[in-house]
C-alpha atoms as a PDB file:
ATOM      1  CA  MET A   1       0.000   0.000   0.000  1.00  0.00           C
ATOM      2  CA  GLY A   2       1.341   3.421  -0.938  1.00  0.00           C
ATOM      3  CA  SER A   3       0.528   6.919   0.229  1.00  0.00           C
ATOM      4  CA  GLU A   4      -2.409   7.398  -2.161  1.00  0.00           C
ATOM      5  CA  GLU A   5      -4.043   4.162  -1.014  1.00  0.00           C
ATOM      6  CA  ILE A   6      -3.642   4.961   2.674  1.00  0.00           C
ATOM      7  CA  PHE A   7      -5.218   8.407   2.193  1.00  0.00           C
ATOM      8  CA  LYS A   8      -8.340   6.695   0.798  1.00  0.00           C
ATOM      9  CA  LEU A   9      -8.415   3.944   3.421  1.00  0.00           C
ATOM     10  CA  ASN A  10     -11.202   4.005   6.001  1.00  0.00           C
ATOM     11  CA  VAL A  11      -9.477   2.994   9.264  1.00  0.00           C
ATOM     12  CA  PRO A  12     -11.746   1.499  11.974  1.00  0.00           C
ATOM     13  CA  LEU A  13     -11.814   3.008  15.468  1.00  0.00           C
ATOM     14  CA  GLY A  14      -8.974   1.750  17.642  1.00  0.00           C
ATOM     15  CA  LYS A  15      -6.919   0.611  14.637  1.00  0.00           C
ATOM     16  CA  LEU A  16      -3.943   1.998  12.721  1.00  0.00           C
ATOM     17  CA  ALA A  17      -2.915   1.581   9.094  1.00  0.00           C
ATOM     18  CA  ILE A  18       0.822   1.704   8.375  1.00  0.00           C
ATOM     19  CA  THR A  19       2.705   1.907   5.087  1.00  0.00           C
ATOM     20  CA  TRP A  20       6.214   2.602   3.798  1.00  0.00           C
ATOM     21  CA  PHE A  21       6.227   5.487   1.384  1.00  0.00           C
ATOM     22  CA  ASN A  22       9.783   6.110   0.252  1.00  0.00           C
ATOM     23  CA  SER A  23      11.205   2.573   0.141  1.00  0.00           C
ATOM     24  CA  TYR A  24      13.576   3.275   3.002  1.00  0.00           C
ATOM     25  CA  SER A  25      12.889   5.298   6.136  1.00  0.00           C
ATOM     26  CA  GLY A  26       9.523   6.922   5.510  1.00  0.00           C
ATOM     27  CA  VAL A  27       6.490   5.541   7.279  1.00  0.00           C
ATOM     28  CA  MET A  28       2.937   6.827   7.175  1.00  0.00           C
ATOM     29  CA  VAL A  29       0.514   5.977   9.994  1.00  0.00           C
ATOM     30  CA  LYS A  30      -3.205   6.628   9.654  1.00  0.00           C
ATOM     31  CA  SER A  31      -5.894   6.402  12.325  1.00  0.00           C
ATOM     32  CA  PRO A  32      -9.565   7.328  12.008  1.00  0.00           C
ATOM     33  CA  GLY A  33      -8.649  10.913  12.927  1.00  0.00           C
ATOM     34  CA  ALA A  34      -5.062  11.613  11.871  1.00  0.00           C
ATOM     35  CA  ILE A  35      -2.180  10.954   9.510  1.00  0.00           C
ATOM     36  CA  LEU A  36       1.402  10.975  10.803  1.00  0.00           C
ATOM     37  CA  ILE A  37       4.447  10.928   8.563  1.00  0.00           C
ATOM     38  CA  PHE A  38       7.770   9.689   9.895  1.00  0.00           C
ATOM     39  CA  ASP A  39      11.078  10.635   8.267  1.00  0.00           C
ATOM     40  CA  PRO A  40       9.894  12.068   4.934  1.00  0.00           C
ATOM     41  CA  VAL A  41      12.874  11.900   2.581  1.00  0.00           C
ATOM     42  CA  LYS A  42      12.857  11.612  -1.217  1.00  0.00           C
ATOM     43  CA  VAL A  43       9.138  12.336  -1.319  1.00  0.00           C
ATOM     44  CA  SER A  44       7.182  15.261  -2.695  1.00  0.00           C
ATOM     45  CA  PHE A  45       5.564  18.030  -0.726  1.00  0.00           C
ATOM     46  CA  GLU A  46       2.208  16.782  -2.053  1.00  0.00           C
ATOM     47  CA  GLU A  47       2.698  13.393  -0.375  1.00  0.00           C
ATOM     48  CA  CYS A  48       3.099  15.098   3.004  1.00  0.00           C
ATOM     49  CA  VAL A  49       0.657  17.991   2.830  1.00  0.00           C
ATOM     50  CA  ARG A  50      -2.288  16.061   4.351  1.00  0.00           C
ATOM     51  CA  ALA A  51      -0.352  15.031   7.457  1.00  0.00           C
ATOM     52  CA  ASN A  52      -1.491  16.098  10.919  1.00  0.00           C
ATOM     53  CA  ALA A  53       2.135  15.883  12.096  1.00  0.00           C
ATOM     54  CA  ILE A  54       5.605  15.185  10.736  1.00  0.00           C
ATOM     55  CA  ILE A  55       7.970  13.182  12.927  1.00  0.00           C
ATOM     56  CA  ILE A  56      11.726  13.240  12.313  1.00  0.00           C
ATOM     57  CA  THR A  57      13.616  10.603  14.280  1.00  0.00           C
ATOM     58  CA  HIS A  58      17.137  12.024  13.850  1.00  0.00           C
ATOM     59  CA  GLU A  59      19.327  14.310  11.773  1.00  0.00           C
ATOM     60  CA  HIS A  60      20.841  11.901   9.235  1.00  0.00           C
ATOM     61  CA  LEU A  61      19.902  12.975   5.715  1.00  0.00           C
ATOM     62  CA  ASP A  62      18.340   9.607   4.918  1.00  0.00           C
ATOM     63  CA  HIS A  63      15.733  10.457   7.600  1.00  0.00           C
ATOM     64  CA  PHE A  64      15.632  14.267   7.517  1.00  0.00           C
ATOM     65  CA  ASP A  65      15.222  16.502   4.466  1.00  0.00           C
ATOM     66  CA  PRO A  66      15.801  20.048   5.782  1.00  0.00           C
ATOM     67  CA  LYS A  67      14.402  21.702   2.648  1.00  0.00           C
ATOM     68  CA  LEU A  68      11.169  19.662   2.721  1.00  0.00           C
ATOM     69  CA  ALA A  69      10.787  20.164   6.482  1.00  0.00           C
ATOM     70  CA  LYS A  70      11.050  23.944   6.125  1.00  0.00           C
ATOM     71  CA  GLU A  71       8.608  23.933   3.193  1.00  0.00           C
ATOM     72  CA  LEU A  72       6.122  21.936   5.272  1.00  0.00           C
ATOM     73  CA  GLN A  73       6.543  24.398   8.140  1.00  0.00           C
ATOM     74  CA  GLN A  74       5.828  27.331   5.855  1.00  0.00           C
ATOM     75  CA  LYS A  75       2.899  25.862   3.922  1.00  0.00           C
ATOM     76  CA  THR A  76       1.005  23.606   6.338  1.00  0.00           C
ATOM     77  CA  ARG A  77      -0.200  23.612   9.915  1.00  0.00           C
ATOM     78  CA  ALA A  78       1.356  20.233  10.642  1.00  0.00           C
ATOM     79  CA  PRO A  79       3.722  20.413  13.610  1.00  0.00           C
ATOM     80  CA  ILE A  80       7.145  18.855  13.315  1.00  0.00           C
ATOM     81  CA  LEU A  81       8.009  16.602  16.244  1.00  0.00           C
ATOM     82  CA  THR A  82      11.686  15.786  16.446  1.00  0.00           C
ATOM     83  CA  THR A  83      14.844  15.685  18.511  1.00  0.00           C
ATOM     84  CA  PRO A  84      16.197  18.866  20.122  1.00  0.00           C
ATOM     85  CA  PHE A  85      19.153  18.745  17.695  1.00  0.00           C
ATOM     86  CA  VAL A  86      16.926  18.737  14.592  1.00  0.00           C
ATOM     87  CA  ALA A  87      14.498  21.252  16.130  1.00  0.00           C
ATOM     88  CA  ALA A  88      17.358  23.738  16.536  1.00  0.00           C
ATOM     89  CA  SER A  89      17.986  23.638  12.770  1.00  0.00           C
ATOM     90  CA  LEU A  90      14.368  24.387  11.809  1.00  0.00           C
ATOM     91  CA  LEU A  91      12.204  27.471  11.897  1.00  0.00           C
ATOM     92  CA  ASN A  92      10.898  28.043  15.412  1.00  0.00           C
ATOM     93  CA  GLU A  93       7.298  27.912  14.247  1.00  0.00           C
ATOM     94  CA  ASN A  94       5.339  24.772  14.995  1.00  0.00           C
ATOM     95  CA  VAL A  95       8.263  22.595  16.130  1.00  0.00           C
ATOM     96  CA  LYS A  96       8.201  20.453  19.239  1.00  0.00           C
ATOM     97  CA  ALA A  97      11.420  18.921  20.538  1.00  0.00           C
ATOM     98  CA  LEU A  98      10.923  15.497  22.097  1.00  0.00           C
ATOM     99  CA  ARG A  99      13.258  13.587  24.372  1.00  0.00           C
ATOM    100  CA  VAL A 100      13.318   9.983  25.505  1.00  0.00           C
ATOM    101  CA  GLY A 101      10.350   9.438  27.814  1.00  0.00           C
ATOM    102  CA  ASP A 102       8.200  12.222  26.354  1.00  0.00           C
ATOM    103  CA  SER A 103       4.665  11.517  25.171  1.00  0.00           C
ATOM    104  CA  THR A 104       2.339  13.574  23.027  1.00  0.00           C
ATOM    105  CA  THR A 105      -1.037  13.199  21.356  1.00  0.00           C
ATOM    106  CA  ILE A 106      -1.981  14.160  17.820  1.00  0.00           C
ATOM    107  CA  GLU A 107      -5.747  13.916  17.389  1.00  0.00           C
ATOM    108  CA  ASP A 108      -6.462  10.258  18.312  1.00  0.00           C
ATOM    109  CA  ILE A 109      -2.864   8.988  18.087  1.00  0.00           C
ATOM    110  CA  GLU A 110      -0.497   8.775  21.047  1.00  0.00           C
ATOM    111  CA  LEU A 111       3.274   8.905  20.554  1.00  0.00           C
ATOM    112  CA  HIS A 112       5.751   7.741  23.174  1.00  0.00           C
ATOM    113  CA  ALA A 113       9.406   8.590  22.515  1.00  0.00           C
ATOM    114  CA  LEU A 114      11.928   5.852  23.228  1.00  0.00           C
ATOM    115  CA  ARG A 115      15.689   5.571  23.185  1.00  0.00           C
ATOM    116  CA  CYS A 116      17.100   4.422  19.871  1.00  0.00           C
ATOM    117  CA  ASP A 117      20.448   2.654  19.582  1.00  0.00           C
ATOM    118  CA  HIS A 118      21.779   4.516  16.541  1.00  0.00           C
ATOM    119  CA  PRO A 119      24.869   6.693  15.999  1.00  0.00           C
ATOM    120  CA  ALA A 120      23.085  10.052  15.874  1.00  0.00           C
ATOM    121  CA  ASN A 121      22.469  12.993  18.201  1.00  0.00           C
ATOM    122  CA  GLU A 122      19.660  11.838  20.541  1.00  0.00           C
ATOM    123  CA  PRO A 123      17.856   9.616  17.988  1.00  0.00           C
ATOM    124  CA  LEU A 124      14.327   8.549  18.834  1.00  0.00           C
ATOM    125  CA  SER A 125      12.082   5.608  18.141  1.00  0.00           C
ATOM    126  CA  PHE A 126       8.377   5.646  18.926  1.00  0.00           C
ATOM    127  CA  ILE A 127       5.519   3.575  20.212  1.00  0.00           C
ATOM    128  CA  VAL A 128       2.433   4.641  18.268  1.00  0.00           C
ATOM    129  CA  SER A 129      -1.022   3.792  19.620  1.00  0.00           C
ATOM    130  CA  THR A 130      -4.669   4.828  19.548  1.00  0.00           C
END
């Protein structure tokens, strides 16, 4: 399933639909009330514009496209949730820095930030639930 199919999908209450969308790091999660995009790289602005939030797990360029992130900040209302290191490189508008142990809610989706064993500056992994 690609991004177009997941946009059309009717997700039942209490369930999540998940798809890869850039053949590497990008993941899209859809609930009945929200769409989250994780690590949008090598994708178009149009593929991300319907997201309720953009999540960037760390600063490596195969997970973080600074140009796309700034375009999304300027042209959408979707907050960017990311590490303090990445947040410092973005526009201050609509960015939330997350640390290990933090939790946040986007519409009907809960995100819980976890430690990630990866050679980056405070990389995060997430538990995603409804």
